[in-house]
């Protein structure tokens, strides 16, 4: 498994596209942390799916933080 390290100025879309290319070129999984959210790309998975999964995890993280504040 490879790790992609986003750089300043990267968007989730550009990261997903780069990860998808690496996954397809190496025929393996690629992980990255984007704004503290771990994402994974596999060969033949569209960058659009990676972006959608990122936003789903981001929403989950926001809900978890909101519940933590409410329950504190």
PDB file of N, CA and C in Angstrom:
ATOM      1  N   UNK A   1       0.844  -1.168   0.000  1.00  0.00           N
ATOM      2  CA  UNK A   1       0.000   0.000   0.000  1.00  0.00           C
ATOM      3  C   UNK A   1       0.897   1.242   0.000  1.00  0.00           C
ATOM      4  N   UNK A   2       0.517   2.198  -0.823  1.00  0.00           N
ATOM      5  CA  UNK A   2       1.271   3.447  -0.918  1.00  0.00           C
ATOM      6  C   UNK A   2       0.537   4.558  -0.181  1.00  0.00           C
ATOM      7  N   UNK A   3       1.271   5.600   0.172  1.00  0.00           N
ATOM      8  CA  UNK A   3       0.683   6.762   0.827  1.00  0.00           C
ATOM      9  C   UNK A   3       0.936   7.988  -0.035  1.00  0.00           C
ATOM     10  N   UNK A   4      -0.113   8.748  -0.270  1.00  0.00           N
ATOM     11  CA  UNK A   4       0.013  10.004  -0.990  1.00  0.00           C
ATOM     12  C   UNK A   4      -0.096  11.133   0.030  1.00  0.00           C
ATOM     13  N   UNK A   5       0.815  12.083  -0.049  1.00  0.00           N
ATOM     14  CA  UNK A   5       0.802  13.207   0.899  1.00  0.00           C
ATOM     15  C   UNK A   5       0.363  14.467   0.158  1.00  0.00           C
ATOM     16  N   UNK A   6      -0.871  14.919   0.435  1.00  0.00           N
ATOM     17  CA  UNK A   6      -1.339  16.148  -0.209  1.00  0.00           C
ATOM     18  C   UNK A   6      -0.439  17.333   0.161  1.00  0.00           C
ATOM     19  N   UNK A   7      -0.352  18.273  -0.751  1.00  0.00           N
ATOM     20  CA  UNK A   7       0.440  19.468  -0.508  1.00  0.00           C
ATOM     21  C   UNK A   7      -0.493  20.674  -0.403  1.00  0.00           C
ATOM     22  N   UNK A   8       0.021  21.760   0.128  1.00  0.00           N
ATOM     23  CA  UNK A   8      -0.775  22.976   0.269  1.00  0.00           C
ATOM     24  C   UNK A   8      -1.356  23.371  -1.086  1.00  0.00           C
ATOM     25  N   UNK A   9      -2.623  23.694  -1.076  1.00  0.00           N
ATOM     26  CA  UNK A   9      -3.298  24.087  -2.306  1.00  0.00           C
ATOM     27  C   UNK A   9      -4.043  22.960  -2.987  1.00  0.00           C
ATOM     28  N   UNK A  10      -3.772  21.704  -2.596  1.00  0.00           N
ATOM     29  CA  UNK A  10      -4.517  20.580  -3.157  1.00  0.00           C
ATOM     30  C   UNK A  10      -5.976  20.660  -2.741  1.00  0.00           C
ATOM     31  N   UNK A  11      -6.848  20.275  -3.635  1.00  0.00           N
ATOM     32  CA  UNK A  11      -8.263  20.119  -3.312  1.00  0.00           C
ATOM     33  C   UNK A  11      -8.555  18.641  -3.181  1.00  0.00           C
ATOM     34  N   UNK A  12      -9.684  18.292  -2.597  1.00  0.00           N
ATOM     35  CA  UNK A  12     -10.025  16.871  -2.489  1.00  0.00           C
ATOM     36  C   UNK A  12     -10.155  16.254  -3.881  1.00  0.00           C
ATOM     37  N   UNK A  13     -10.633  17.023  -4.829  1.00  0.00           N
ATOM     38  CA  UNK A  13     -10.766  16.498  -6.194  1.00  0.00           C
ATOM     39  C   UNK A  13      -9.403  16.196  -6.804  1.00  0.00           C
ATOM     40  N   UNK A  14      -8.447  17.114  -6.646  1.00  0.00           N
ATOM     41  CA  UNK A  14      -7.115  16.863  -7.216  1.00  0.00           C
ATOM     42  C   UNK A  14      -6.418  15.710  -6.501  1.00  0.00           C
ATOM     43  N   UNK A  15      -6.596  15.616  -5.195  1.00  0.00           N
ATOM     44  CA  UNK A  15      -6.008  14.507  -4.438  1.00  0.00           C
ATOM     45  C   UNK A  15      -6.597  13.181  -4.902  1.00  0.00           C
ATOM     46  N   UNK A  16      -7.913  13.133  -5.049  1.00  0.00           N
ATOM     47  CA  UNK A  16      -8.577  11.900  -5.490  1.00  0.00           C
ATOM     48  C   UNK A  16      -8.099  11.491  -6.877  1.00  0.00           C
ATOM     49  N   UNK A  17      -7.942  12.460  -7.775  1.00  0.00           N
ATOM     50  CA  UNK A  17      -7.468  12.151  -9.121  1.00  0.00           C
ATOM     51  C   UNK A  17      -6.044  11.605  -9.096  1.00  0.00           C
ATOM     52  N   UNK A  18      -5.172  12.232  -8.320  1.00  0.00           N
ATOM     53  CA  UNK A  18      -3.784  11.758  -8.215  1.00  0.00           C
ATOM     54  C   UNK A  18      -3.728  10.365  -7.590  1.00  0.00           C
ATOM     55  N   UNK A  19      -4.516  10.158  -6.539  1.00  0.00           N
ATOM     56  CA  UNK A  19      -4.539   8.851  -5.884  1.00  0.00           C
ATOM     57  C   UNK A  19      -5.037   7.771  -6.838  1.00  0.00           C
ATOM     58  N   UNK A  20      -6.052   8.093  -7.623  1.00  0.00           N
ATOM     59  CA  UNK A  20      -6.602   7.130  -8.579  1.00  0.00           C
ATOM     60  C   UNK A  20      -5.560   6.735  -9.618  1.00  0.00           C
ATOM     61  N   UNK A  21      -4.815   7.707 -10.109  1.00  0.00           N
ATOM     62  CA  UNK A  21      -3.763   7.422 -11.087  1.00  0.00           C
ATOM     63  C   UNK A  21      -2.708   6.501 -10.478  1.00  0.00           C
ATOM     64  N   UNK A  22      -2.266   6.820  -9.275  1.00  0.00           N
ATOM     65  CA  UNK A  22      -1.243   5.993  -8.615  1.00  0.00           C
ATOM     66  C   UNK A  22      -1.773   4.578  -8.372  1.00  0.00           C
ATOM     67  N   UNK A  23      -3.019   4.463  -7.905  1.00  0.00           N
ATOM     68  CA  UNK A  23      -3.608   3.144  -7.643  1.00  0.00           C
ATOM     69  C   UNK A  23      -3.659   2.315  -8.922  1.00  0.00           C
ATOM     70  N   UNK A  24      -4.037   2.946 -10.022  1.00  0.00           N
ATOM     71  CA  UNK A  24      -4.116   2.208 -11.290  1.00  0.00           C
ATOM     72  C   UNK A  24      -2.744   1.863 -11.843  1.00  0.00           C
ATOM     73  N   UNK A  25      -1.787   2.795 -11.712  1.00  0.00           N
ATOM     74  CA  UNK A  25      -0.434   2.528 -12.221  1.00  0.00           C
ATOM     75  C   UNK A  25       0.265   1.423 -11.440  1.00  0.00           C
ATOM     76  N   UNK A  26       0.016   1.362 -10.135  1.00  0.00           N
ATOM     77  CA  UNK A  26       0.693   0.367  -9.298  1.00  0.00           C
ATOM     78  C   UNK A  26      -0.163  -0.866  -9.035  1.00  0.00           C
ATOM     79  N   UNK A  27      -1.430  -0.787  -9.476  1.00  0.00           N
ATOM     80  CA  UNK A  27      -2.389  -1.869  -9.230  1.00  0.00           C
ATOM     81  C   UNK A  27      -2.467  -2.193  -7.734  1.00  0.00           C
ATOM     82  N   UNK A  28      -2.486  -1.140  -6.917  1.00  0.00           N
ATOM     83  CA  UNK A  28      -2.539  -1.319  -5.469  1.00  0.00           C
ATOM     84  C   UNK A  28      -3.303  -0.193  -4.800  1.00  0.00           C
ATOM     85  N   UNK A  29      -3.474  -0.314  -3.505  1.00  0.00           N
ATOM     86  CA  UNK A  29      -4.206   0.683  -2.741  1.00  0.00           C
ATOM     87  C   UNK A  29      -3.306   1.871  -2.415  1.00  0.00           C
ATOM     88  N   UNK A  30      -3.943   3.046  -2.315  1.00  0.00           N
ATOM     89  CA  UNK A  30      -3.246   4.279  -1.959  1.00  0.00           C
ATOM     90  C   UNK A  30      -4.063   4.965  -0.878  1.00  0.00           C
ATOM     91  N   UNK A  31      -3.399   5.397   0.198  1.00  0.00           N
ATOM     92  CA  UNK A  31      -4.093   6.116   1.262  1.00  0.00           C
ATOM     93  C   UNK A  31      -3.565   7.545   1.347  1.00  0.00           C
ATOM     94  N   UNK A  32      -4.384   8.403   1.914  1.00  0.00           N
ATOM     95  CA  UNK A  32      -3.976   9.786   2.152  1.00  0.00           C
ATOM     96  C   UNK A  32      -4.789  10.325   3.318  1.00  0.00           C
ATOM     97  N   UNK A  33      -4.230  11.300   3.997  1.00  0.00           N
ATOM     98  CA  UNK A  33      -4.969  12.056   5.013  1.00  0.00           C
ATOM     99  C   UNK A  33      -5.212  13.432   4.432  1.00  0.00           C
ATOM    100  N   UNK A  34      -6.483  13.777   4.289  1.00  0.00           N
ATOM    101  CA  UNK A  34      -6.848  15.079   3.760  1.00  0.00           C
ATOM    102  C   UNK A  34      -7.666  15.787   4.821  1.00  0.00           C
ATOM    103  N   UNK A  35      -7.108  16.833   5.396  1.00  0.00           N
ATOM    104  CA  UNK A  35      -7.748  17.554   6.509  1.00  0.00           C
ATOM    105  C   UNK A  35      -8.147  16.591   7.631  1.00  0.00           C
ATOM    106  N   UNK A  36      -7.213  15.718   7.977  1.00  0.00           N
ATOM    107  CA  UNK A  36      -7.372  14.732   9.065  1.00  0.00           C
ATOM    108  C   UNK A  36      -8.401  13.650   8.781  1.00  0.00           C
ATOM    109  N   UNK A  37      -8.845  13.521   7.552  1.00  0.00           N
ATOM    110  CA  UNK A  37      -9.766  12.454   7.158  1.00  0.00           C
ATOM    111  C   UNK A  37      -8.978  11.475   6.294  1.00  0.00           C
ATOM    112  N   UNK A  38      -8.927  10.203   6.717  1.00  0.00           N
ATOM    113  CA  UNK A  38      -8.196   9.188   5.962  1.00  0.00           C
ATOM    114  C   UNK A  38      -9.056   8.703   4.801  1.00  0.00           C
ATOM    115  N   UNK A  39      -8.473   8.721   3.607  1.00  0.00           N
ATOM    116  CA  UNK A  39      -9.161   8.214   2.427  1.00  0.00           C
ATOM    117  C   UNK A  39      -8.281   7.175   1.750  1.00  0.00           C
ATOM    118  N   UNK A  40      -8.926   6.262   1.037  1.00  0.00           N
ATOM    119  CA  UNK A  40      -8.222   5.177   0.363  1.00  0.00           C
ATOM    120  C   UNK A  40      -8.713   5.050  -1.064  1.00  0.00           C
ATOM    121  N   UNK A  41      -7.775   4.858  -1.965  1.00  0.00           N
ATOM    122  CA  UNK A  41      -8.103   4.616  -3.373  1.00  0.00           C
ATOM    123  C   UNK A  41      -7.643   3.217  -3.745  1.00  0.00           C
ATOM    124  N   UNK A  42      -8.469   2.542  -4.507  1.00  0.00           N
ATOM    125  CA  UNK A  42      -8.143   1.219  -5.036  1.00  0.00           C
ATOM    126  C   UNK A  42      -8.138   1.317  -6.560  1.00  0.00           C
ATOM    127  N   UNK A  43      -7.449   0.400  -7.223  1.00  0.00           N
ATOM    128  CA  UNK A  43      -7.482   0.416  -8.687  1.00  0.00           C
ATOM    129  C   UNK A  43      -8.922   0.339  -9.193  1.00  0.00           C
ATOM    130  N   UNK A  44      -9.191   1.020 -10.275  1.00  0.00           N
ATOM    131  CA  UNK A  44     -10.493   1.004 -10.953  1.00  0.00           C
ATOM    132  C   UNK A  44     -11.613   1.702 -10.193  1.00  0.00           C
ATOM    133  N   UNK A  45     -11.298   2.433  -9.115  1.00  0.00           N
ATOM    134  CA  UNK A  45     -12.323   3.221  -8.439  1.00  0.00           C
ATOM    135  C   UNK A  45     -12.211   4.649  -8.937  1.00  0.00           C
ATOM    136  N   UNK A  46     -13.334   5.194  -9.349  1.00  0.00           N
ATOM    137  CA  UNK A  46     -13.385   6.542  -9.893  1.00  0.00           C
ATOM    138  C   UNK A  46     -13.016   7.578  -8.840  1.00  0.00           C
ATOM    139  N   UNK A  47     -12.306   8.621  -9.237  1.00  0.00           N
ATOM    140  CA  UNK A  47     -12.017   9.704  -8.298  1.00  0.00           C
ATOM    141  C   UNK A  47     -13.298  10.318  -7.713  1.00  0.00           C
ATOM    142  N   UNK A  48     -14.373  10.297  -8.466  1.00  0.00           N
ATOM    143  CA  UNK A  48     -15.652  10.828  -7.978  1.00  0.00           C
ATOM    144  C   UNK A  48     -16.109  10.061  -6.745  1.00  0.00           C
ATOM    145  N   UNK A  49     -15.940   8.765  -6.744  1.00  0.00           N
ATOM    146  CA  UNK A  49     -16.320   7.933  -5.594  1.00  0.00           C
ATOM    147  C   UNK A  49     -15.448   8.273  -4.396  1.00  0.00           C
ATOM    148  N   UNK A  50     -14.162   8.489  -4.622  1.00  0.00           N
ATOM    149  CA  UNK A  50     -13.248   8.842  -3.539  1.00  0.00           C
ATOM    150  C   UNK A  50     -13.679  10.167  -2.907  1.00  0.00           C
ATOM    151  N   UNK A  51     -14.044  11.131  -3.741  1.00  0.00           N
ATOM    152  CA  UNK A  51     -14.509  12.432  -3.238  1.00  0.00           C
ATOM    153  C   UNK A  51     -15.790  12.256  -2.424  1.00  0.00           C
ATOM    154  N   UNK A  52     -16.730  11.458  -2.929  1.00  0.00           N
ATOM    155  CA  UNK A  52     -17.982  11.224  -2.208  1.00  0.00           C
ATOM    156  C   UNK A  52     -17.735  10.556  -0.857  1.00  0.00           C
ATOM    157  N   UNK A  53     -16.815   9.601  -0.819  1.00  0.00           N
ATOM    158  CA  UNK A  53     -16.479   8.947   0.447  1.00  0.00           C
ATOM    159  C   UNK A  53     -15.833   9.928   1.418  1.00  0.00           C
ATOM    160  N   UNK A  54     -14.996  10.818   0.898  1.00  0.00           N
ATOM    161  CA  UNK A  54     -14.385  11.840   1.752  1.00  0.00           C
ATOM    162  C   UNK A  54     -15.461  12.699   2.401  1.00  0.00           C
ATOM    163  N   UNK A  55     -16.424  13.180   1.602  1.00  0.00           N
ATOM    164  CA  UNK A  55     -17.466  14.040   2.161  1.00  0.00           C
ATOM    165  C   UNK A  55     -18.362  13.283   3.133  1.00  0.00           C
ATOM    166  N   UNK A  56     -18.598  12.009   2.892  1.00  0.00           N
ATOM    167  CA  UNK A  56     -19.381  11.194   3.837  1.00  0.00           C
ATOM    168  C   UNK A  56     -18.639  11.081   5.168  1.00  0.00           C
ATOM    169  N   UNK A  57     -17.339  10.841   5.119  1.00  0.00           N
ATOM    170  CA  UNK A  57     -16.548  10.746   6.355  1.00  0.00           C
ATOM    171  C   UNK A  57     -16.455  12.103   7.054  1.00  0.00           C
ATOM    172  N   UNK A  58     -16.360  13.168   6.282  1.00  0.00           N
ATOM    173  CA  UNK A  58     -16.325  14.506   6.859  1.00  0.00           C
ATOM    174  C   UNK A  58     -17.636  14.810   7.596  1.00  0.00           C
ATOM    175  N   UNK A  59     -18.768  14.464   6.980  1.00  0.00           N
ATOM    176  CA  UNK A  59     -20.068  14.657   7.634  1.00  0.00           C
ATOM    177  C   UNK A  59     -20.166  13.838   8.910  1.00  0.00           C
ATOM    178  N   UNK A  60     -19.680  12.602   8.862  1.00  0.00           N
ATOM    179  CA  UNK A  60     -19.689  11.737  10.044  1.00  0.00           C
ATOM    180  C   UNK A  60     -18.855  12.354  11.163  1.00  0.00           C
ATOM    181  N   UNK A  61     -17.696  12.887  10.795  1.00  0.00           N
ATOM    182  CA  UNK A  61     -16.799  13.511  11.775  1.00  0.00           C
ATOM    183  C   UNK A  61     -17.466  14.743  12.405  1.00  0.00           C
ATOM    184  N   UNK A  62     -18.124  15.535  11.593  1.00  0.00           N
ATOM    185  CA  UNK A  62     -18.824  16.721  12.103  1.00  0.00           C
ATOM    186  C   UNK A  62     -19.941  16.331  13.077  1.00  0.00           C
ATOM    187  N   UNK A  63     -20.688  15.293  12.725  1.00  0.00           N
ATOM    188  CA  UNK A  63     -21.773  14.835  13.613  1.00  0.00           C
ATOM    189  C   UNK A  63     -21.205  14.341  14.938  1.00  0.00           C
ATOM    190  N   UNK A  64     -20.112  13.608  14.867  1.00  0.00           N
ATOM    191  CA  UNK A  64     -19.485  13.087  16.078  1.00  0.00           C
ATOM    192  C   UNK A  64     -19.037  14.236  16.972  1.00  0.00           C
ATOM    193  N   UNK A  65     -18.417  15.264  16.381  1.00  0.00           N
ATOM    194  CA  UNK A  65     -17.977  16.427  17.166  1.00  0.00           C
ATOM    195  C   UNK A  65     -19.160  17.165  17.769  1.00  0.00           C
ATOM    196  N   UNK A  66     -20.249  17.304  17.021  1.00  0.00           N
ATOM    197  CA  UNK A  66     -21.438  17.984  17.534  1.00  0.00           C
ATOM    198  C   UNK A  66     -22.044  17.223  18.697  1.00  0.00           C
ATOM    199  N   UNK A  67     -22.108  15.911  18.586  1.00  0.00           N
ATOM    200  CA  UNK A  67     -22.667  15.100  19.666  1.00  0.00           C
ATOM    201  C   UNK A  67     -21.791  15.160  20.902  1.00  0.00           C
ATOM    202  N   UNK A  68     -20.485  15.215  20.701  1.00  0.00           N
ATOM    203  CA  UNK A  68     -19.567  15.306  21.837  1.00  0.00           C
ATOM    204  C   UNK A  68     -19.786  16.609  22.597  1.00  0.00           C
ATOM    205  N   UNK A  69     -19.978  17.704  21.865  1.00  0.00           N
ATOM    206  CA  UNK A  69     -20.223  19.001  22.517  1.00  0.00           C
ATOM    207  C   UNK A  69     -21.556  19.012  23.249  1.00  0.00           C
ATOM    208  N   UNK A  70     -22.580  18.407  22.661  1.00  0.00           N
ATOM    209  CA  UNK A  70     -23.906  18.384  23.275  1.00  0.00           C
ATOM    210  C   UNK A  70     -23.885  17.561  24.554  1.00  0.00           C
ATOM    211  N   UNK A  71     -23.142  16.467  24.528  1.00  0.00           N
ATOM    212  CA  UNK A  71     -23.105  15.558  25.670  1.00  0.00           C
ATOM    213  C   UNK A  71     -22.094  15.985  26.737  1.00  0.00           C
ATOM    214  N   UNK A  72     -21.363  17.047  26.496  1.00  0.00           N
ATOM    215  CA  UNK A  72     -20.350  17.496  27.474  1.00  0.00           C
ATOM    216  C   UNK A  72     -20.974  18.328  28.566  1.00  0.00           C
TER     217      UNK A  72
END
